Amino acid sequence: MKQTNKAAGMAAMSIVVFIYGISYIAREAVGAYLGTTAIVGLQMGIMALLFTIYNLITRKSFRVKKKDLIWILVSGIFGTTLFHGFTILGVNSIGATVSSLLYGFAAAFALIIEILLFHRKKTALGAASIVVSLIGVYILMDMNLQDLASTNFEGYILNLASIASWVIYTFLCDKVPTEYDKTIVLNYQAFVGVVTVLPFALLNPVSGDALLKPEVWGNLLLLGVFNSTFAYFLNMYALKQIGVTLSNLFLNFMPVVTILAALVLYHTVPSSKQVIGGILIIASVFMLDRDQKNIETS
């Protein structure tokens, strides 16, 4: 029975990785027709609607203490508005493949924050993982030291900003007490995304013709229903079946899905430097995972 549950958890996590990997392609595709605020607003709107329906049907309590509400609202700004906004802008600038590869740097960035602000134990392996990750980012960016102007700094900065937003979001979520159901917390965060983006979306109205295009509403449904809602439930299920460590290791293979999808759909072949840089970033995450295990067992 235990083996069956583990197999089901691994299958669920495989679907999560597939959805997250494809979502980068979806952002790039829909970005050709809609502005960033429109995409984020519609995505968060779908997410908020689905979570509201679910929480009402299951009769979950929406009551939240005032002292906890601030953490939920602020985390919502970073985890919905800023994260998705910067991600879409970054994908539009440097493409889905490179953006997905760069996401692996999130683990090293989180480690840096923990060392600087939360007094995490410093280890040689942890320091090495940061160095390897930074080298991977440098190679991935393909910086030309003789002509820095030729390097697309804006695109990489936007993606790094999305990574920073997500890492900050995870730390803020840690401040939210576990007494609240996670679907309720996500419900409020989705509402924050809708409210904060709405004023900007109204300034840039969406063309009705664009929404009628199959590639637009199809990718919006992928981002709103599958990426923001369905994958979350599968991720929670997988965490209970195979644990946090194995679940997080699965996410390291997300760039592989993005690269294969881009190759099949758009015949986009990553450069050798992008592959090498991505491998180094992914390797740094495995190093960080080993470092975490060593700390926990010491």
C-alpha atoms as a PDB file:
ATOM      1  CA  MET A   1       0.000   0.000   0.000  1.00  0.00           C
ATOM      2  CA  LYS A   2       2.847   2.302   0.860  1.00  0.00           C
ATOM      3  CA  GLN A   3       4.533   1.596  -2.473  1.00  0.00           C
ATOM      4  CA  THR A   4       1.298   2.386  -4.321  1.00  0.00           C
ATOM      5  CA  ASN A   5       0.961   5.731  -2.519  1.00  0.00           C
ATOM      6  CA  LYS A   6       4.578   6.614  -3.321  1.00  0.00           C
ATOM      7  CA  ALA A   7       4.052   5.727  -6.975  1.00  0.00           C
ATOM      8  CA  ALA A   8       0.901   7.866  -7.072  1.00  0.00           C
ATOM      9  CA  GLY A   9       2.766  10.764  -5.444  1.00  0.00           C
ATOM     10  CA  MET A  10       5.592  10.553  -7.979  1.00  0.00           C
ATOM     11  CA  ALA A  11       3.063  10.427 -10.815  1.00  0.00           C
ATOM     12  CA  ALA A  12       1.295  13.510  -9.414  1.00  0.00           C
ATOM     13  CA  MET A  13       4.585  15.402  -9.133  1.00  0.00           C
ATOM     14  CA  SER A  14       5.494  14.446 -12.687  1.00  0.00           C
ATOM     15  CA  ILE A  15       2.272  16.101 -13.860  1.00  0.00           C
ATOM     16  CA  VAL A  16       3.103  19.204 -11.779  1.00  0.00           C
ATOM     17  CA  VAL A  17       6.544  19.460 -13.385  1.00  0.00           C
ATOM     18  CA  PHE A  18       4.987  19.056 -16.828  1.00  0.00           C
ATOM     19  CA  ILE A  19       2.416  21.804 -16.167  1.00  0.00           C
ATOM     20  CA  TYR A  20       5.003  24.214 -14.739  1.00  0.00           C
ATOM     21  CA  GLY A  21       7.372  23.559 -17.634  1.00  0.00           C
ATOM     22  CA  ILE A  22       4.677  24.103 -20.257  1.00  0.00           C
ATOM     23  CA  SER A  23       3.512  27.284 -18.483  1.00  0.00           C
ATOM     24  CA  TYR A  24       6.646  29.105 -19.636  1.00  0.00           C
ATOM     25  CA  ILE A  25       5.727  28.317 -23.230  1.00  0.00           C
ATOM     26  CA  ALA A  26       2.147  29.432 -22.552  1.00  0.00           C
ATOM     27  CA  ARG A  27       3.340  32.783 -21.168  1.00  0.00           C
ATOM     28  CA  GLU A  28       5.480  33.368 -24.246  1.00  0.00           C
ATOM     29  CA  ALA A  29       2.643  32.437 -26.612  1.00  0.00           C
ATOM     30  CA  VAL A  30      -0.074  34.579 -25.004  1.00  0.00           C
ATOM     31  CA  GLY A  31       2.383  37.457 -24.539  1.00  0.00           C
ATOM     32  CA  ALA A  32       2.318  38.009 -28.290  1.00  0.00           C
ATOM     33  CA  TYR A  33      -1.334  39.094 -28.077  1.00  0.00           C
ATOM     34  CA  LEU A  34      -1.947  40.476 -24.574  1.00  0.00           C
ATOM     35  CA  GLY A  35      -0.118  42.878 -22.278  1.00  0.00           C
ATOM     36  CA  THR A  36       1.427  41.757 -19.013  1.00  0.00           C
ATOM     37  CA  THR A  37      -1.261  43.290 -16.770  1.00  0.00           C
ATOM     38  CA  ALA A  38      -4.031  41.683 -18.824  1.00  0.00           C
ATOM     39  CA  ILE A  39      -2.417  38.236 -18.591  1.00  0.00           C
ATOM     40  CA  VAL A  40      -1.781  38.470 -14.851  1.00  0.00           C
ATOM     41  CA  GLY A  41      -5.236  39.913 -14.184  1.00  0.00           C
ATOM     42  CA  LEU A  42      -7.045  37.210 -16.156  1.00  0.00           C
ATOM     43  CA  GLN A  43      -4.862  34.453 -14.708  1.00  0.00           C
ATOM     44  CA  MET A  44      -5.437  35.615 -11.144  1.00  0.00           C
ATOM     45  CA  GLY A  45      -9.128  36.143 -11.869  1.00  0.00           C
ATOM     46  CA  ILE A  46      -9.496  32.514 -12.952  1.00  0.00           C
ATOM     47  CA  MET A  47      -7.509  31.367  -9.914  1.00  0.00           C
ATOM     48  CA  ALA A  48      -9.586  33.473  -7.508  1.00  0.00           C
ATOM     49  CA  LEU A  49     -12.864  32.281  -9.040  1.00  0.00           C
ATOM     50  CA  LEU A  50     -11.924  28.592  -8.849  1.00  0.00           C
ATOM     51  CA  PHE A  51     -10.649  28.785  -5.274  1.00  0.00           C
ATOM     52  CA  THR A  52     -13.729  30.754  -4.203  1.00  0.00           C
ATOM     53  CA  ILE A  53     -16.060  28.168  -5.710  1.00  0.00           C
ATOM     54  CA  TYR A  54     -14.097  25.330  -4.103  1.00  0.00           C
ATOM     55  CA  ASN A  55     -13.967  26.973  -0.671  1.00  0.00           C
ATOM     56  CA  LEU A  56     -17.669  27.819  -0.754  1.00  0.00           C
ATOM     57  CA  ILE A  57     -18.677  24.308  -1.824  1.00  0.00           C
ATOM     58  CA  THR A  58     -16.500  22.742   0.873  1.00  0.00           C
ATOM     59  CA  ARG A  59     -17.725  25.374   3.367  1.00  0.00           C
ATOM     60  CA  LYS A  60     -14.280  26.567   4.383  1.00  0.00           C
ATOM     61  CA  SER A  61     -14.103  29.497   6.793  1.00  0.00           C
ATOM     62  CA  PHE A  62     -12.815  32.740   5.276  1.00  0.00           C
ATOM     63  CA  ARG A  63     -12.255  34.266   8.716  1.00  0.00           C
ATOM     64  CA  VAL A  64      -8.671  35.440   9.255  1.00  0.00           C
ATOM     65  CA  LYS A  65      -7.210  37.286  12.231  1.00  0.00           C
ATOM     66  CA  LYS A  66      -6.233  40.891  11.509  1.00  0.00           C
ATOM     67  CA  LYS A  67      -2.643  40.339  12.664  1.00  0.00           C
ATOM     68  CA  ASP A  68      -2.260  37.520  10.128  1.00  0.00           C
ATOM     69  CA  LEU A  69      -4.069  39.255   7.288  1.00  0.00           C
ATOM     70  CA  ILE A  70      -1.145  41.620   6.624  1.00  0.00           C
ATOM     71  CA  TRP A  71       1.210  38.688   5.956  1.00  0.00           C
ATOM     72  CA  ILE A  72      -1.306  37.104   3.600  1.00  0.00           C
ATOM     73  CA  LEU A  73      -1.908  40.334   1.678  1.00  0.00           C
ATOM     74  CA  VAL A  74       1.765  41.286   1.363  1.00  0.00           C
ATOM     75  CA  SER A  75       2.701  37.745   0.355  1.00  0.00           C
ATOM     76  CA  GLY A  76      -0.036  37.941  -2.256  1.00  0.00           C
ATOM     77  CA  ILE A  77       1.540  41.020  -3.808  1.00  0.00           C
ATOM     78  CA  PHE A  78       4.904  39.271  -4.166  1.00  0.00           C
ATOM     79  CA  GLY A  79       3.539  35.835  -5.068  1.00  0.00           C
ATOM     80  CA  THR A  80       0.926  36.911  -7.616  1.00  0.00           C
ATOM     81  CA  THR A  81       1.318  40.449  -8.961  1.00  0.00           C
ATOM     82  CA  LEU A  82       5.103  40.815  -8.889  1.00  0.00           C
ATOM     83  CA  PHE A  83       6.089  37.197  -9.530  1.00  0.00           C
ATOM     84  CA  HIS A  84       3.784  36.611 -12.494  1.00  0.00           C
ATOM     85  CA  GLY A  85       4.305  40.128 -13.844  1.00  0.00           C
ATOM     86  CA  PHE A  86       8.102  39.927 -13.836  1.00  0.00           C
ATOM     87  CA  THR A  87       7.985  36.351 -15.166  1.00  0.00           C
ATOM     88  CA  ILE A  88       5.871  37.307 -18.180  1.00  0.00           C
ATOM     89  CA  LEU A  89       8.028  40.350 -18.917  1.00  0.00           C
ATOM     90  CA  GLY A  90      11.160  38.230 -18.580  1.00  0.00           C
ATOM     91  CA  VAL A  91       9.833  35.459 -20.826  1.00  0.00           C
ATOM     92  CA  ASN A  92       8.845  38.019 -23.464  1.00  0.00           C
ATOM     93  CA  SER A  93      12.368  39.452 -23.308  1.00  0.00           C
ATOM     94  CA  ILE A  94      14.662  36.403 -23.327  1.00  0.00           C
ATOM     95  CA  GLY A  95      12.296  33.537 -24.138  1.00  0.00           C
ATOM     96  CA  ALA A  96      10.717  30.641 -22.269  1.00  0.00           C
ATOM     97  CA  THR A  97      13.716  28.290 -22.421  1.00  0.00           C
ATOM     98  CA  VAL A  98      16.274  30.598 -20.816  1.00  0.00           C
ATOM     99  CA  SER A  99      13.720  31.861 -18.269  1.00  0.00           C
ATOM    100  CA  SER A 100      12.958  28.300 -17.190  1.00  0.00           C
ATOM    101  CA  LEU A 101      16.651  27.424 -16.885  1.00  0.00           C
ATOM    102  CA  LEU A 102      17.311  30.575 -14.875  1.00  0.00           C
ATOM    103  CA  TYR A 103      14.570  29.663 -12.381  1.00  0.00           C
ATOM    104  CA  GLY A 104      16.907  27.105 -10.823  1.00  0.00           C
ATOM    105  CA  PHE A 105      18.818  30.023  -9.284  1.00  0.00           C
ATOM    106  CA  ALA A 106      15.902  30.488  -6.857  1.00  0.00           C
ATOM    107  CA  ALA A 107      17.313  27.829  -4.521  1.00  0.00           C
ATOM    108  CA  ALA A 108      20.716  29.526  -4.275  1.00  0.00           C
ATOM    109  CA  PHE A 109      19.090  32.939  -3.817  1.00  0.00           C
ATOM    110  CA  ALA A 110      16.963  31.573  -0.965  1.00  0.00           C
ATOM    111  CA  LEU A 111      20.105  30.169   0.652  1.00  0.00           C
ATOM    112  CA  ILE A 112      21.817  33.572   0.431  1.00  0.00           C
ATOM    113  CA  ILE A 113      18.812  35.209   2.127  1.00  0.00           C
ATOM    114  CA  GLU A 114      18.795  32.572   4.871  1.00  0.00           C
ATOM    115  CA  ILE A 115      22.510  33.080   5.555  1.00  0.00           C
ATOM    116  CA  LEU A 116      22.289  36.884   5.596  1.00  0.00           C
ATOM    117  CA  LEU A 117      18.992  37.351   7.450  1.00  0.00           C
ATOM    118  CA  PHE A 118      18.159  34.139   9.276  1.00  0.00           C
ATOM    119  CA  HIS A 119      21.606  33.014  10.465  1.00  0.00           C
ATOM    120  CA  ARG A 120      21.580  29.715   8.581  1.00  0.00           C
ATOM    121  CA  LYS A 121      24.601  27.539   9.309  1.00  0.00           C
ATOM    122  CA  LYS A 122      27.415  28.262   6.846  1.00  0.00           C
ATOM    123  CA  THR A 123      28.939  25.191   5.203  1.00  0.00           C
ATOM    124  CA  ALA A 124      31.517  24.595   2.495  1.00  0.00           C
ATOM    125  CA  LEU A 125      28.992  22.678   0.369  1.00  0.00           C
ATOM    126  CA  GLY A 126      26.409  25.444   0.742  1.00  0.00           C
ATOM    127  CA  ALA A 127      28.949  28.084  -0.316  1.00  0.00           C
ATOM    128  CA  ALA A 128      30.028  25.897  -3.236  1.00  0.00           C
ATOM    129  CA  SER A 129      26.414  25.557  -4.404  1.00  0.00           C
ATOM    130  CA  ILE A 130      26.061  29.352  -4.493  1.00  0.00           C
ATOM    131  CA  VAL A 131      29.309  29.741  -6.459  1.00  0.00           C
ATOM    132  CA  VAL A 132      28.326  27.026  -8.961  1.00  0.00           C
ATOM    133  CA  SER A 133      24.882  28.594  -9.390  1.00  0.00           C
ATOM    134  CA  LEU A 134      26.364  32.062 -10.002  1.00  0.00           C
ATOM    135  CA  ILE A 135      28.788  30.625 -12.563  1.00  0.00           C
ATOM    136  CA  GLY A 136      25.826  28.937 -14.254  1.00  0.00           C
ATOM    137  CA  VAL A 137      23.919  32.231 -14.382  1.00  0.00           C
ATOM    138  CA  TYR A 138      26.978  34.002 -15.814  1.00  0.00           C
ATOM    139  CA  ILE A 139      27.388  31.393 -18.578  1.00  0.00           C
ATOM    140  CA  LEU A 140      23.643  31.326 -19.240  1.00  0.00           C
ATOM    141  CA  MET A 141      23.583  35.104 -19.710  1.00  0.00           C
ATOM    142  CA  ASP A 142      26.364  34.765 -22.310  1.00  0.00           C
ATOM    143  CA  MET A 143      27.877  38.060 -21.216  1.00  0.00           C
ATOM    144  CA  ASN A 144      30.240  39.693 -23.685  1.00  0.00           C
ATOM    145  CA  LEU A 145      32.770  41.536 -21.538  1.00  0.00           C
ATOM    146  CA  GLN A 146      34.083  43.397 -24.573  1.00  0.00           C
ATOM    147  CA  ASP A 147      30.639  44.619 -25.535  1.00  0.00           C
ATOM    148  CA  LEU A 148      28.374  44.674 -22.472  1.00  0.00           C
ATOM    149  CA  ALA A 149      25.757  46.621 -24.412  1.00  0.00           C
ATOM    150  CA  SER A 150      25.096  43.507 -26.510  1.00  0.00           C
ATOM    151  CA  THR A 151      23.992  41.547 -23.429  1.00  0.00           C
ATOM    152  CA  ASN A 152      20.251  41.646 -22.780  1.00  0.00           C
ATOM    153  CA  PHE A 153      20.550  42.763 -19.159  1.00  0.00           C
ATOM    154  CA  GLU A 154      16.936  43.901 -18.997  1.00  0.00           C
ATOM    155  CA  GLY A 155      15.550  40.445 -19.723  1.00  0.00           C
ATOM    156  CA  TYR A 156      17.768  38.730 -17.169  1.00  0.00           C
ATOM    157  CA  ILE A 157      17.090  41.368 -14.516  1.00  0.00           C
ATOM    158  CA  LEU A 158      13.339  40.914 -15.031  1.00  0.00           C
ATOM    159  CA  ASN A 159      13.693  37.156 -14.561  1.00  0.00           C
ATOM    160  CA  LEU A 160      15.914  37.603 -11.517  1.00  0.00           C
ATOM    161  CA  ALA A 161      13.275  39.992 -10.137  1.00  0.00           C
ATOM    162  CA  SER A 162      10.628  37.293 -10.605  1.00  0.00           C
ATOM    163  CA  ILE A 163      12.875  34.809  -8.769  1.00  0.00           C
ATOM    164  CA  ALA A 164      13.427  37.306  -5.943  1.00  0.00           C
ATOM    165  CA  SER A 165       9.667  37.914  -5.732  1.00  0.00           C
ATOM    166  CA  TRP A 166       8.975  34.192  -5.432  1.00  0.00           C
ATOM    167  CA  VAL A 167      11.659  33.649  -2.761  1.00  0.00           C
ATOM    168  CA  ILE A 168      10.335  36.605  -0.745  1.00  0.00           C
ATOM    169  CA  TYR A 169       6.834  35.179  -1.186  1.00  0.00           C
ATOM    170  CA  THR A 170       7.878  31.841   0.321  1.00  0.00           C
ATOM    171  CA  PHE A 171       9.467  33.552   3.330  1.00  0.00           C
ATOM    172  CA  LEU A 172       6.347  35.682   3.865  1.00  0.00           C
ATOM    173  CA  CYS A 173       4.095  32.630   3.593  1.00  0.00           C
ATOM    174  CA  ASP A 174       6.146  31.077   6.377  1.00  0.00           C
ATOM    175  CA  LYS A 175       4.836  33.890   8.603  1.00  0.00           C
ATOM    176  CA  VAL A 176       1.235  32.819   8.010  1.00  0.00           C
ATOM    177  CA  PRO A 177       0.050  30.448  10.783  1.00  0.00           C
ATOM    178  CA  THR A 178      -0.725  26.874   9.757  1.00  0.00           C
ATOM    179  CA  GLU A 179      -4.164  27.124  11.362  1.00  0.00           C
ATOM    180  CA  TYR A 180      -5.589  28.448   8.077  1.00  0.00           C
ATOM    181  CA  ASP A 181      -6.453  26.152   5.220  1.00  0.00           C
ATOM    182  CA  LYS A 182      -3.996  26.655   2.357  1.00  0.00           C
ATOM    183  CA  THR A 183      -6.820  27.063  -0.164  1.00  0.00           C
ATOM    184  CA  ILE A 184      -8.143  29.985   1.885  1.00  0.00           C
ATOM    185  CA  VAL A 185      -4.717  31.635   1.968  1.00  0.00           C
ATOM    186  CA  LEU A 186      -4.351  31.141  -1.802  1.00  0.00           C
ATOM    187  CA  ASN A 187      -7.857  32.518  -2.279  1.00  0.00           C
ATOM    188  CA  TYR A 188      -6.925  35.784  -0.557  1.00  0.00           C
ATOM    189  CA  GLN A 189      -3.615  35.962  -2.420  1.00  0.00           C
ATOM    190  CA  ALA A 190      -5.411  35.533  -5.742  1.00  0.00           C
ATOM    191  CA  PHE A 191      -7.795  38.359  -4.805  1.00  0.00           C
ATOM    192  CA  VAL A 192      -4.771  40.553  -4.044  1.00  0.00           C
ATOM    193  CA  GLY A 193      -3.425  39.790  -7.515  1.00  0.00           C
ATOM    194  CA  VAL A 194      -6.711  40.781  -9.140  1.00  0.00           C
ATOM    195  CA  VAL A 195      -7.119  43.996  -7.125  1.00  0.00           C
ATOM    196  CA  THR A 196      -3.538  45.233  -7.558  1.00  0.00           C
ATOM    197  CA  VAL A 197      -3.447  44.542 -11.289  1.00  0.00           C
ATOM    198  CA  LEU A 198      -6.960  45.775 -12.120  1.00  0.00           C
ATOM    199  CA  PRO A 199      -6.153  49.539 -12.221  1.00  0.00           C
ATOM    200  CA  PHE A 200      -3.293  48.950 -14.680  1.00  0.00           C
ATOM    201  CA  ALA A 201      -5.363  46.517 -16.737  1.00  0.00           C
ATOM    202  CA  LEU A 202      -8.109  49.136 -17.105  1.00  0.00           C
ATOM    203  CA  LEU A 203      -5.551  51.542 -18.548  1.00  0.00           C
ATOM    204  CA  ASN A 204      -4.676  48.909 -21.143  1.00  0.00           C
ATOM    205  CA  PRO A 205      -8.003  47.359 -22.185  1.00  0.00           C
ATOM    206  CA  VAL A 206      -7.948  43.928 -23.780  1.00  0.00           C
ATOM    207  CA  SER A 207      -9.030  43.560 -27.378  1.00  0.00           C
ATOM    208  CA  GLY A 208     -12.057  41.316 -27.761  1.00  0.00           C
ATOM    209  CA  ASP A 209     -10.608  39.909 -30.977  1.00  0.00           C
ATOM    210  CA  ALA A 210      -7.487  38.777 -29.107  1.00  0.00           C
ATOM    211  CA  LEU A 211      -9.508  36.845 -26.532  1.00  0.00           C
ATOM    212  CA  LEU A 212     -11.353  35.012 -29.311  1.00  0.00           C
ATOM    213  CA  LYS A 213      -8.130  33.520 -30.631  1.00  0.00           C
ATOM    214  CA  PRO A 214      -7.808  29.844 -29.591  1.00  0.00           C
ATOM    215  CA  GLU A 215      -4.095  30.249 -28.757  1.00  0.00           C
ATOM    216  CA  VAL A 216      -4.966  33.092 -26.362  1.00  0.00           C
ATOM    217  CA  TRP A 217      -7.845  31.658 -24.333  1.00  0.00           C
ATOM    218  CA  GLY A 218      -6.283  28.199 -24.506  1.00  0.00           C
ATOM    219  CA  ASN A 219      -3.045  29.397 -22.912  1.00  0.00           C
ATOM    220  CA  LEU A 220      -4.941  31.569 -20.420  1.00  0.00           C
ATOM    221  CA  LEU A 221      -6.878  28.511 -19.280  1.00  0.00           C
ATOM    222  CA  LEU A 222      -3.603  26.624 -18.962  1.00  0.00           C
ATOM    223  CA  LEU A 223      -2.140  29.385 -16.791  1.00  0.00           C
ATOM    224  CA  GLY A 224      -5.255  30.025 -14.705  1.00  0.00           C
ATOM    225  CA  VAL A 225      -6.762  26.558 -14.315  1.00  0.00           C
ATOM    226  CA  PHE A 226      -3.785  24.220 -14.507  1.00  0.00           C
ATOM    227  CA  ASN A 227      -0.743  26.293 -13.517  1.00  0.00           C
ATOM    228  CA  SER A 228      -2.310  28.365 -10.730  1.00  0.00           C
ATOM    229  CA  THR A 229      -4.921  25.949  -9.401  1.00  0.00           C
ATOM    230  CA  PHE A 230      -4.786  22.293 -10.479  1.00  0.00           C
ATOM    231  CA  ALA A 231      -1.013  21.907 -10.121  1.00  0.00           C
ATOM    232  CA  TYR A 232      -1.216  23.260  -6.570  1.00  0.00           C
ATOM    233  CA  PHE A 233      -3.555  20.479  -5.457  1.00  0.00           C
ATOM    234  CA  LEU A 234      -1.373  17.831  -7.096  1.00  0.00           C
ATOM    235  CA  ASN A 235       1.690  19.367  -5.473  1.00  0.00           C
ATOM    236  CA  MET A 236       0.054  19.219  -2.025  1.00  0.00           C
ATOM    237  CA  TYR A 237      -0.923  15.599  -2.624  1.00  0.00           C
ATOM    238  CA  ALA A 238       2.609  14.689  -3.712  1.00  0.00           C
ATOM    239  CA  LEU A 239       4.111  16.343  -0.637  1.00  0.00           C
ATOM    240  CA  LYS A 240       2.072  14.014   1.592  1.00  0.00           C
ATOM    241  CA  GLN A 241       3.038  10.917  -0.395  1.00  0.00           C
ATOM    242  CA  ILE A 242       6.743  11.378  -1.166  1.00  0.00           C
ATOM    243  CA  GLY A 243       7.835  14.246   1.098  1.00  0.00           C
ATOM    244  CA  VAL A 244       9.233  17.731   0.570  1.00  0.00           C
ATOM    245  CA  THR A 245      12.746  16.752  -0.533  1.00  0.00           C
ATOM    246  CA  LEU A 246      11.779  14.402  -3.361  1.00  0.00           C
ATOM    247  CA  SER A 247       9.016  16.770  -4.515  1.00  0.00           C
ATOM    248  CA  ASN A 248      11.454  19.688  -4.779  1.00  0.00           C
ATOM    249  CA  LEU A 249      13.966  17.539  -6.649  1.00  0.00           C
ATOM    250  CA  PHE A 250      11.285  16.823  -9.254  1.00  0.00           C
ATOM    251  CA  LEU A 251      10.972  20.572  -9.931  1.00  0.00           C
ATOM    252  CA  ASN A 252      14.611  20.668 -11.009  1.00  0.00           C
ATOM    253  CA  PHE A 253      13.580  18.854 -14.179  1.00  0.00           C
ATOM    254  CA  MET A 254      11.101  21.594 -15.138  1.00  0.00           C
ATOM    255  CA  PRO A 255      13.546  23.212 -17.622  1.00  0.00           C
ATOM    256  CA  VAL A 256      13.786  19.890 -19.482  1.00  0.00           C
ATOM    257  CA  VAL A 257      10.032  20.026 -20.135  1.00  0.00           C
ATOM    258  CA  THR A 258      10.269  23.648 -21.300  1.00  0.00           C
ATOM    259  CA  ILE A 259      13.196  22.912 -23.638  1.00  0.00           C
ATOM    260  CA  LEU A 260      11.484  19.869 -25.180  1.00  0.00           C
ATOM    261  CA  ALA A 261       8.176  21.743 -25.573  1.00  0.00           C
ATOM    262  CA  ALA A 262       9.919  24.708 -27.224  1.00  0.00           C
ATOM    263  CA  LEU A 263      11.805  22.320 -29.492  1.00  0.00           C
ATOM    264  CA  VAL A 264       8.647  20.465 -30.571  1.00  0.00           C
ATOM    265  CA  LEU A 265       6.312  23.467 -30.863  1.00  0.00           C
ATOM    266  CA  TYR A 266       8.641  26.189 -32.122  1.00  0.00           C
ATOM    267  CA  HIS A 267      11.816  24.312 -33.142  1.00  0.00           C
ATOM    268  CA  THR A 268      13.758  26.416 -30.657  1.00  0.00           C
ATOM    269  CA  VAL A 269      17.143  24.827 -29.985  1.00  0.00           C
ATOM    270  CA  PRO A 270      19.033  26.085 -26.898  1.00  0.00           C
ATOM    271  CA  SER A 271      22.629  27.169 -27.389  1.00  0.00           C
ATOM    272  CA  SER A 272      25.539  25.238 -25.888  1.00  0.00           C
ATOM    273  CA  LYS A 273      26.105  27.991 -23.309  1.00  0.00           C
ATOM    274  CA  GLN A 274      22.448  27.897 -22.283  1.00  0.00           C
ATOM    275  CA  VAL A 275      22.657  24.133 -21.807  1.00  0.00           C
ATOM    276  CA  ILE A 276      25.919  24.309 -19.834  1.00  0.00           C
ATOM    277  CA  GLY A 277      24.680  27.190 -17.684  1.00  0.00           C
ATOM    278  CA  GLY A 278      21.387  25.404 -17.032  1.00  0.00           C
ATOM    279  CA  ILE A 279      23.159  22.179 -16.049  1.00  0.00           C
ATOM    280  CA  LEU A 280      25.345  24.071 -13.568  1.00  0.00           C
ATOM    281  CA  ILE A 281      22.320  25.798 -12.014  1.00  0.00           C
ATOM    282  CA  ILE A 282      20.456  22.492 -11.685  1.00  0.00           C
ATOM    283  CA  ALA A 283      23.596  20.831 -10.252  1.00  0.00           C
ATOM    284  CA  SER A 284      23.825  23.598  -7.639  1.00  0.00           C
ATOM    285  CA  VAL A 285      20.294  22.755  -6.481  1.00  0.00           C
ATOM    286  CA  PHE A 286      21.263  19.108  -5.938  1.00  0.00           C
ATOM    287  CA  MET A 287      24.325  20.303  -3.999  1.00  0.00           C
ATOM    288  CA  LEU A 288      22.080  22.516  -1.878  1.00  0.00           C
ATOM    289  CA  ASP A 289      19.714  19.613  -1.243  1.00  0.00           C
ATOM    290  CA  ARG A 290      22.625  17.451  -0.067  1.00  0.00           C
ATOM    291  CA  ASP A 291      23.814  20.293   2.162  1.00  0.00           C
ATOM    292  CA  GLN A 292      20.332  20.535   3.712  1.00  0.00           C
ATOM    293  CA  LYS A 293      20.327  16.803   4.440  1.00  0.00           C
ATOM    294  CA  ASN A 294      23.764  17.062   6.075  1.00  0.00           C
ATOM    295  CA  ILE A 295      22.572  19.928   8.302  1.00  0.00           C
ATOM    296  CA  GLU A 296      19.417  18.055   9.330  1.00  0.00           C
ATOM    297  CA  THR A 297      21.356  14.894  10.268  1.00  0.00           C
ATOM    298  CA  SER A 298      24.238  16.673  12.064  1.00  0.00           C
END
